[in-house]
Amino acid sequence: MTRVSGREGGIWLRLVYEMARAVTGKLTGKKEVPEPVKVTAHQPRLLWGVGQMESAQSGMNSVAWDLKALAEAAAARGVGCPW
């Protein structure tokens, strides 16, 4: 399946890709777009919904941000996700 590049999706998708690169760069040191973003870019409404969910989860302050990111990475590794 071909991926949707940032140029094909318009300005909104380019903005999403840049934000994803920035967050991934902050966590891993590599500025690349995560695979889930590339896959959900095929369905803009799904990408919007996933973005809203991620935004709501990151807004919760009961656990530190870096601990949440570590738990997310550990869970992804546990299920075999290449994230």
PDB file of N, CA and C in Angstrom:
ATOM      1  N   MET A   1       0.849  -1.164   0.000  1.00  0.00           N
ATOM      2  CA  MET A   1       0.000   0.000   0.000  1.00  0.00           C
ATOM      3  C   MET A   1       0.899   1.233   0.000  1.00  0.00           C
ATOM      4  N   THR A   2       0.599   2.148  -0.852  1.00  0.00           N
ATOM      5  CA  THR A   2       1.409   3.359  -0.927  1.00  0.00           C
ATOM      6  C   THR A   2       1.057   4.296   0.213  1.00  0.00           C
ATOM      7  N   ARG A   3       2.002   5.070   0.614  1.00  0.00           N
ATOM      8  CA  ARG A   3       1.804   6.032   1.690  1.00  0.00           C
ATOM      9  C   ARG A   3       1.432   7.389   1.102  1.00  0.00           C
ATOM     10  N   VAL A   4       0.784   8.188   1.915  1.00  0.00           N
ATOM     11  CA  VAL A   4       0.414   9.530   1.503  1.00  0.00           C
ATOM     12  C   VAL A   4       1.523  10.462   1.959  1.00  0.00           C
ATOM     13  N   SER A   5       2.160  11.116   1.020  1.00  0.00           N
ATOM     14  CA  SER A   5       3.218  12.057   1.403  1.00  0.00           C
ATOM     15  C   SER A   5       2.583  13.348   1.893  1.00  0.00           C
ATOM     16  N   GLY A   6       3.339  14.139   2.598  1.00  0.00           N
ATOM     17  CA  GLY A   6       2.825  15.400   3.114  1.00  0.00           C
ATOM     18  C   GLY A   6       2.398  16.345   2.020  1.00  0.00           C
ATOM     19  N   ARG A   7       3.045  16.262   0.860  1.00  0.00           N
ATOM     20  CA  ARG A   7       2.706  17.168  -0.234  1.00  0.00           C
ATOM     21  C   ARG A   7       1.361  16.826  -0.860  1.00  0.00           C
ATOM     22  N   GLU A   8       0.986  15.545  -0.860  1.00  0.00           N
ATOM     23  CA  GLU A   8      -0.271  15.131  -1.494  1.00  0.00           C
ATOM     24  C   GLU A   8      -1.499  15.506  -0.676  1.00  0.00           C
ATOM     25  N   GLY A   9      -1.350  15.603   0.645  1.00  0.00           N
ATOM     26  CA  GLY A   9      -2.496  15.805   1.510  1.00  0.00           C
ATOM     27  C   GLY A   9      -2.887  17.241   1.738  1.00  0.00           C
ATOM     28  N   GLY A  10      -2.124  18.171   1.272  1.00  0.00           N
ATOM     29  CA  GLY A  10      -2.455  19.571   1.477  1.00  0.00           C
ATOM     30  C   GLY A  10      -1.782  20.134   2.711  1.00  0.00           C
ATOM     31  N   ILE A  11      -2.137  21.355   3.024  1.00  0.00           N
ATOM     32  CA  ILE A  11      -1.458  22.069   4.106  1.00  0.00           C
ATOM     33  C   ILE A  11      -1.760  21.465   5.463  1.00  0.00           C
ATOM     34  N   TRP A  12      -2.974  20.961   5.677  1.00  0.00           N
ATOM     35  CA  TRP A  12      -3.339  20.378   6.962  1.00  0.00           C
ATOM     36  C   TRP A  12      -2.488  19.141   7.245  1.00  0.00           C
ATOM     37  N   LEU A  13      -2.315  18.276   6.246  1.00  0.00           N
ATOM     38  CA  LEU A  13      -1.515  17.071   6.438  1.00  0.00           C
ATOM     39  C   LEU A  13      -0.041  17.409   6.616  1.00  0.00           C
ATOM     40  N   ARG A  14       0.447  18.440   5.924  1.00  0.00           N
ATOM     41  CA  ARG A  14       1.839  18.863   6.122  1.00  0.00           C
ATOM     42  C   ARG A  14       2.064  19.325   7.560  1.00  0.00           C
ATOM     43  N   LEU A  15       1.083  20.043   8.104  1.00  0.00           N
ATOM     44  CA  LEU A  15       1.169  20.498   9.488  1.00  0.00           C
ATOM     45  C   LEU A  15       1.173  19.303  10.454  1.00  0.00           C
ATOM     46  N   VAL A  16       0.311  18.335  10.198  1.00  0.00           N
ATOM     47  CA  VAL A  16       0.261  17.130  11.033  1.00  0.00           C
ATOM     48  C   VAL A  16       1.588  16.389  10.973  1.00  0.00           C
ATOM     49  N   TYR A  17       2.159  16.238   9.778  1.00  0.00           N
ATOM     50  CA  TYR A  17       3.442  15.544   9.622  1.00  0.00           C
ATOM     51  C   TYR A  17       4.555  16.288  10.369  1.00  0.00           C
ATOM     52  N   GLU A  18       4.579  17.615  10.292  1.00  0.00           N
ATOM     53  CA  GLU A  18       5.614  18.380  10.989  1.00  0.00           C
ATOM     54  C   GLU A  18       5.481  18.247  12.503  1.00  0.00           C
ATOM     55  N   MET A  19       4.244  18.269  12.991  1.00  0.00           N
ATOM     56  CA  MET A  19       4.028  18.092  14.423  1.00  0.00           C
ATOM     57  C   MET A  19       4.449  16.698  14.865  1.00  0.00           C
ATOM     58  N   ALA A  20       4.134  15.683  14.060  1.00  0.00           N
ATOM     59  CA  ALA A  20       4.518  14.309  14.392  1.00  0.00           C
ATOM     60  C   ALA A  20       6.038  14.164  14.393  1.00  0.00           C
ATOM     61  N   ARG A  21       6.698  14.790  13.428  1.00  0.00           N
ATOM     62  CA  ARG A  21       8.167  14.752  13.396  1.00  0.00           C
ATOM     63  C   ARG A  21       8.759  15.408  14.632  1.00  0.00           C
ATOM     64  N   ALA A  22       8.196  16.522  15.050  1.00  0.00           N
ATOM     65  CA  ALA A  22       8.720  17.236  16.216  1.00  0.00           C
ATOM     66  C   ALA A  22       8.577  16.404  17.489  1.00  0.00           C
ATOM     67  N   VAL A  23       7.409  15.799  17.682  1.00  0.00           N
ATOM     68  CA  VAL A  23       7.187  14.983  18.877  1.00  0.00           C
ATOM     69  C   VAL A  23       8.074  13.740  18.846  1.00  0.00           C
ATOM     70  N   THR A  24       8.166  13.087  17.699  1.00  0.00           N
ATOM     71  CA  THR A  24       9.002  11.900  17.584  1.00  0.00           C
ATOM     72  C   THR A  24      10.469  12.264  17.786  1.00  0.00           C
ATOM     73  N   GLY A  25      10.888  13.394  17.267  1.00  0.00           N
ATOM     74  CA  GLY A  25      12.260  13.843  17.460  1.00  0.00           C
ATOM     75  C   GLY A  25      12.575  14.114  18.919  1.00  0.00           C
ATOM     76  N   LYS A  26      11.589  14.658  19.644  1.00  0.00           N
ATOM     77  CA  LYS A  26      11.790  14.937  21.062  1.00  0.00           C
ATOM     78  C   LYS A  26      11.923  13.635  21.856  1.00  0.00           C
ATOM     79  N   LEU A  27      11.166  12.605  21.460  1.00  0.00           N
ATOM     80  CA  LEU A  27      11.193  11.343  22.186  1.00  0.00           C
ATOM     81  C   LEU A  27      12.373  10.456  21.811  1.00  0.00           C
ATOM     82  N   THR A  28      12.648  10.351  20.516  1.00  0.00           N
ATOM     83  CA  THR A  28      13.632   9.374  20.056  1.00  0.00           C
ATOM     84  C   THR A  28      14.914   9.983  19.521  1.00  0.00           C
ATOM     85  N   GLY A  29      14.898  11.251  19.193  1.00  0.00           N
ATOM     86  CA  GLY A  29      16.070  11.874  18.599  1.00  0.00           C
ATOM     87  C   GLY A  29      16.092  11.768  17.079  1.00  0.00           C
ATOM     88  N   LYS A  30      15.176  10.991  16.500  1.00  0.00           N
ATOM     89  CA  LYS A  30      15.067  10.861  15.039  1.00  0.00           C
ATOM     90  C   LYS A  30      13.805  11.569  14.589  1.00  0.00           C
ATOM     91  N   LYS A  31      13.940  12.521  13.687  1.00  0.00           N
ATOM     92  CA  LYS A  31      12.771  13.254  13.198  1.00  0.00           C
ATOM     93  C   LYS A  31      12.170  12.517  12.015  1.00  0.00           C
ATOM     94  N   GLU A  32      11.234  11.614  12.303  1.00  0.00           N
ATOM     95  CA  GLU A  32      10.534  10.893  11.248  1.00  0.00           C
ATOM     96  C   GLU A  32       9.065  10.790  11.627  1.00  0.00           C
ATOM     97  N   VAL A  33       8.223  10.625  10.625  1.00  0.00           N
ATOM     98  CA  VAL A  33       6.785  10.507  10.854  1.00  0.00           C
ATOM     99  C   VAL A  33       6.494   9.072  11.266  1.00  0.00           C
ATOM    100  N   PRO A  34       5.820   8.865  12.405  1.00  0.00           N
ATOM    101  CA  PRO A  34       5.505   7.505  12.847  1.00  0.00           C
ATOM    102  C   PRO A  34       4.584   6.789  11.865  1.00  0.00           C
ATOM    103  N   GLU A  35       4.719   5.490  11.807  1.00  0.00           N
ATOM    104  CA  GLU A  35       3.933   4.663  10.882  1.00  0.00           C
ATOM    105  C   GLU A  35       2.417   4.835  11.062  1.00  0.00           C
ATOM    106  N   PRO A  36       1.880   4.889  12.304  1.00  0.00           N
ATOM    107  CA  PRO A  36       0.431   5.066  12.434  1.00  0.00           C
ATOM    108  C   PRO A  36      -0.087   6.344  11.772  1.00  0.00           C
ATOM    109  N   VAL A  37       0.702   7.402  11.792  1.00  0.00           N
ATOM    110  CA  VAL A  37       0.279   8.650  11.148  1.00  0.00           C
ATOM    111  C   VAL A  37       0.243   8.462   9.636  1.00  0.00           C
ATOM    112  N   LYS A  38       1.245   7.783   9.097  1.00  0.00           N
ATOM    113  CA  LYS A  38       1.282   7.544   7.652  1.00  0.00           C
ATOM    114  C   LYS A  38       0.112   6.686   7.200  1.00  0.00           C
ATOM    115  N   VAL A  39      -0.242   5.697   8.013  1.00  0.00           N
ATOM    116  CA  VAL A  39      -1.342   4.801   7.639  1.00  0.00           C
ATOM    117  C   VAL A  39      -2.687   5.512   7.739  1.00  0.00           C
ATOM    118  N   THR A  40      -2.920   6.237   8.839  1.00  0.00           N
ATOM    119  CA  THR A  40      -4.209   6.905   8.998  1.00  0.00           C
ATOM    120  C   THR A  40      -4.352   8.130   8.096  1.00  0.00           C
ATOM    121  N   ALA A  41      -3.277   8.563   7.457  1.00  0.00           N
ATOM    122  CA  ALA A  41      -3.368   9.704   6.536  1.00  0.00           C
ATOM    123  C   ALA A  41      -4.251   9.385   5.331  1.00  0.00           C
ATOM    124  N   HIS A  42      -4.501   8.100   5.073  1.00  0.00           N
ATOM    125  CA  HIS A  42      -5.388   7.717   3.967  1.00  0.00           C
ATOM    126  C   HIS A  42      -6.843   8.102   4.251  1.00  0.00           C
ATOM    127  N   GLN A  43      -7.199   8.192   5.529  1.00  0.00           N
ATOM    128  CA  GLN A  43      -8.567   8.537   5.917  1.00  0.00           C
ATOM    129  C   GLN A  43      -8.511   9.793   6.794  1.00  0.00           C
ATOM    130  N   PRO A  44      -8.709  10.966   6.233  1.00  0.00           N
ATOM    131  CA  PRO A  44      -8.575  12.202   7.003  1.00  0.00           C
ATOM    132  C   PRO A  44      -9.456  12.266   8.250  1.00  0.00           C
ATOM    133  N   ARG A  45     -10.665  11.726   8.185  1.00  0.00           N
ATOM    134  CA  ARG A  45     -11.529  11.760   9.366  1.00  0.00           C
ATOM    135  C   ARG A  45     -10.969  10.885  10.479  1.00  0.00           C
ATOM    136  N   LEU A  46     -10.409   9.735  10.116  1.00  0.00           N
ATOM    137  CA  LEU A  46      -9.784   8.861  11.100  1.00  0.00           C
ATOM    138  C   LEU A  46      -8.552   9.535  11.696  1.00  0.00           C
ATOM    139  N   LEU A  47      -7.738  10.162  10.854  1.00  0.00           N
ATOM    140  CA  LEU A  47      -6.554  10.875  11.326  1.00  0.00           C
ATOM    141  C   LEU A  47      -6.951  11.982  12.295  1.00  0.00           C
ATOM    142  N   TRP A  48      -8.018  12.682  11.993  1.00  0.00           N
ATOM    143  CA  TRP A  48      -8.511  13.740  12.869  1.00  0.00           C
ATOM    144  C   TRP A  48      -8.940  13.148  14.213  1.00  0.00           C
ATOM    145  N   GLY A  49      -9.677  12.039  14.181  1.00  0.00           N
ATOM    146  CA  GLY A  49     -10.130  11.398  15.417  1.00  0.00           C
ATOM    147  C   GLY A  49      -8.980  10.905  16.275  1.00  0.00           C
ATOM    148  N   VAL A  50      -7.998  10.283  15.647  1.00  0.00           N
ATOM    149  CA  VAL A  50      -6.820   9.806  16.376  1.00  0.00           C
ATOM    150  C   VAL A  50      -6.065  10.992  16.968  1.00  0.00           C
ATOM    151  N   GLY A  51      -5.964  12.072  16.211  1.00  0.00           N
ATOM    152  CA  GLY A  51      -5.309  13.269  16.719  1.00  0.00           C
ATOM    153  C   GLY A  51      -6.024  13.851  17.928  1.00  0.00           C
ATOM    154  N   GLN A  52      -7.353  13.861  17.892  1.00  0.00           N
ATOM    155  CA  GLN A  52      -8.130  14.354  19.029  1.00  0.00           C
ATOM    156  C   GLN A  52      -7.915  13.480  20.259  1.00  0.00           C
ATOM    157  N   MET A  53      -7.887  12.148  20.042  1.00  0.00           N
ATOM    158  CA  MET A  53      -7.656  11.227  21.147  1.00  0.00           C
ATOM    159  C   MET A  53      -6.261  11.441  21.754  1.00  0.00           C
ATOM    160  N   GLU A  54      -5.241  11.557  20.889  1.00  0.00           N
ATOM    161  CA  GLU A  54      -3.876  11.778  21.364  1.00  0.00           C
ATOM    162  C   GLU A  54      -3.770  13.099  22.108  1.00  0.00           C
ATOM    163  N   SER A  55      -4.442  14.116  21.609  1.00  0.00           N
ATOM    164  CA  SER A  55      -4.418  15.421  22.257  1.00  0.00           C
ATOM    165  C   SER A  55      -5.063  15.361  23.641  1.00  0.00           C
ATOM    166  N   ALA A  56      -6.178  14.658  23.747  1.00  0.00           N
ATOM    167  CA  ALA A  56      -6.854  14.533  25.039  1.00  0.00           C
ATOM    168  C   ALA A  56      -5.990  13.749  26.025  1.00  0.00           C
ATOM    169  N   GLN A  57      -5.351  12.690  25.548  1.00  0.00           N
ATOM    170  CA  GLN A  57      -4.507  11.893  26.438  1.00  0.00           C
ATOM    171  C   GLN A  57      -3.281  12.682  26.899  1.00  0.00           C
ATOM    172  N   SER A  58      -2.712  13.467  26.010  1.00  0.00           N
ATOM    173  CA  SER A  58      -1.527  14.231  26.399  1.00  0.00           C
ATOM    174  C   SER A  58      -1.888  15.380  27.328  1.00  0.00           C
ATOM    175  N   GLY A  59      -3.140  15.796  27.333  1.00  0.00           N
ATOM    176  CA  GLY A  59      -3.573  16.883  28.201  1.00  0.00           C
ATOM    177  C   GLY A  59      -3.820  16.461  29.636  1.00  0.00           C
ATOM    178  N   MET A  60      -3.890  15.162  29.884  1.00  0.00           N
ATOM    179  CA  MET A  60      -4.108  14.686  31.250  1.00  0.00           C
ATOM    180  C   MET A  60      -2.814  14.832  32.039  1.00  0.00           C
ATOM    181  N   ASN A  61      -2.902  15.372  33.228  1.00  0.00           N
ATOM    182  CA  ASN A  61      -1.719  15.681  34.015  1.00  0.00           C
ATOM    183  C   ASN A  61      -1.533  14.790  35.237  1.00  0.00           C
ATOM    184  N   SER A  62      -2.248  13.660  35.317  1.00  0.00           N
ATOM    185  CA  SER A  62      -2.109  12.811  36.494  1.00  0.00           C
ATOM    186  C   SER A  62      -0.787  12.044  36.491  1.00  0.00           C
ATOM    187  N   VAL A  63      -0.187  11.856  35.310  1.00  0.00           N
ATOM    188  CA  VAL A  63       1.100  11.166  35.184  1.00  0.00           C
ATOM    189  C   VAL A  63       2.026  12.078  34.377  1.00  0.00           C
ATOM    190  N   ALA A  64       3.307  12.072  34.701  1.00  0.00           N
ATOM    191  CA  ALA A  64       4.278  12.912  33.997  1.00  0.00           C
ATOM    192  C   ALA A  64       4.346  12.538  32.517  1.00  0.00           C
ATOM    193  N   TRP A  65       4.627  13.544  31.672  1.00  0.00           N
ATOM    194  CA  TRP A  65       4.639  13.355  30.219  1.00  0.00           C
ATOM    195  C   TRP A  65       5.672  12.321  29.791  1.00  0.00           C
ATOM    196  N   ASP A  66       6.871  12.381  30.350  1.00  0.00           N
ATOM    197  CA  ASP A  66       7.912  11.446  29.940  1.00  0.00           C
ATOM    198  C   ASP A  66       7.586  10.020  30.365  1.00  0.00           C
ATOM    199  N   LEU A  67       6.907   9.843  31.494  1.00  0.00           N
ATOM    200  CA  LEU A  67       6.506   8.509  31.932  1.00  0.00           C
ATOM    201  C   LEU A  67       5.422   7.944  31.014  1.00  0.00           C
ATOM    202  N   LYS A  68       4.498   8.814  30.565  1.00  0.00           N
ATOM    203  CA  LYS A  68       3.469   8.369  29.615  1.00  0.00           C
ATOM    204  C   LYS A  68       4.098   7.918  28.303  1.00  0.00           C
ATOM    205  N   ALA A  69       5.086   8.679  27.818  1.00  0.00           N
ATOM    206  CA  ALA A  69       5.754   8.324  26.569  1.00  0.00           C
ATOM    207  C   ALA A  69       6.506   7.012  26.708  1.00  0.00           C
ATOM    208  N   LEU A  70       7.145   6.801  27.837  1.00  0.00           N
ATOM    209  CA  LEU A  70       7.860   5.555  28.083  1.00  0.00           C
ATOM    210  C   LEU A  70       6.902   4.368  28.130  1.00  0.00           C
ATOM    211  N   ALA A  71       5.776   4.528  28.789  1.00  0.00           N
ATOM    212  CA  ALA A  71       4.784   3.459  28.860  1.00  0.00           C
ATOM    213  C   ALA A  71       4.205   3.158  27.486  1.00  0.00           C
ATOM    214  N   GLU A  72       3.973   4.192  26.691  1.00  0.00           N
ATOM    215  CA  GLU A  72       3.445   4.001  25.337  1.00  0.00           C
ATOM    216  C   GLU A  72       4.431   3.225  24.470  1.00  0.00           C
ATOM    217  N   ALA A  73       5.706   3.571  24.568  1.00  0.00           N
ATOM    218  CA  ALA A  73       6.734   2.869  23.798  1.00  0.00           C
ATOM    219  C   ALA A  73       6.867   1.420  24.251  1.00  0.00           C
ATOM    220  N   ALA A  74       6.801   1.175  25.567  1.00  0.00           N
ATOM    221  CA  ALA A  74       6.903  -0.187  26.084  1.00  0.00           C
ATOM    222  C   ALA A  74       5.709  -1.035  25.650  1.00  0.00           C
ATOM    223  N   ALA A  75       4.515  -0.446  25.658  1.00  0.00           N
ATOM    224  CA  ALA A  75       3.325  -1.179  25.221  1.00  0.00           C
ATOM    225  C   ALA A  75       3.397  -1.489  23.734  1.00  0.00           C
ATOM    226  N   ALA A  76       3.887  -0.538  22.936  1.00  0.00           N
ATOM    227  CA  ALA A  76       4.021  -0.776  21.501  1.00  0.00           C
ATOM    228  C   ALA A  76       5.024  -1.899  21.231  1.00  0.00           C
ATOM    229  N   ARG A  77       6.113  -1.892  21.943  1.00  0.00           N
ATOM    230  CA  ARG A  77       7.120  -2.942  21.774  1.00  0.00           C
ATOM    231  C   ARG A  77       6.554  -4.294  22.202  1.00  0.00           C
ATOM    232  N   GLY A  78       5.750  -4.301  23.265  1.00  0.00           N
ATOM    233  CA  GLY A  78       5.165  -5.545  23.784  1.00  0.00           C
ATOM    234  C   GLY A  78       4.233  -6.229  22.813  1.00  0.00           C
ATOM    235  N   VAL A  79       3.558  -5.465  21.962  1.00  0.00           N
ATOM    236  CA  VAL A  79       2.643  -6.057  20.989  1.00  0.00           C
ATOM    237  C   VAL A  79       3.272  -6.209  19.613  1.00  0.00           C
ATOM    238  N   GLY A  80       4.558  -5.855  19.505  1.00  0.00           N
ATOM    239  CA  GLY A  80       5.255  -6.036  18.243  1.00  0.00           C
ATOM    240  C   GLY A  80       5.097  -4.901  17.258  1.00  0.00           C
ATOM    241  N   CYS A  81       4.662  -3.735  17.716  1.00  0.00           N
ATOM    242  CA  CYS A  81       4.501  -2.580  16.831  1.00  0.00           C
ATOM    243  C   CYS A  81       5.880  -1.979  16.531  1.00  0.00           C
ATOM    244  N   PRO A  82       6.163  -1.644  15.277  1.00  0.00           N
ATOM    245  CA  PRO A  82       7.459  -1.091  14.949  1.00  0.00           C
ATOM    246  C   PRO A  82       7.608   0.381  15.322  1.00  0.00           C
ATOM    247  N   TRP A  83       6.719   0.920  16.123  1.00  0.00           N
ATOM    248  CA  TRP A  83       6.739   2.321  16.514  1.00  0.00           C
ATOM    249  C   TRP A  83       8.046   2.647  17.147  1.00  0.00           C
TER     250      TRP A  83
END
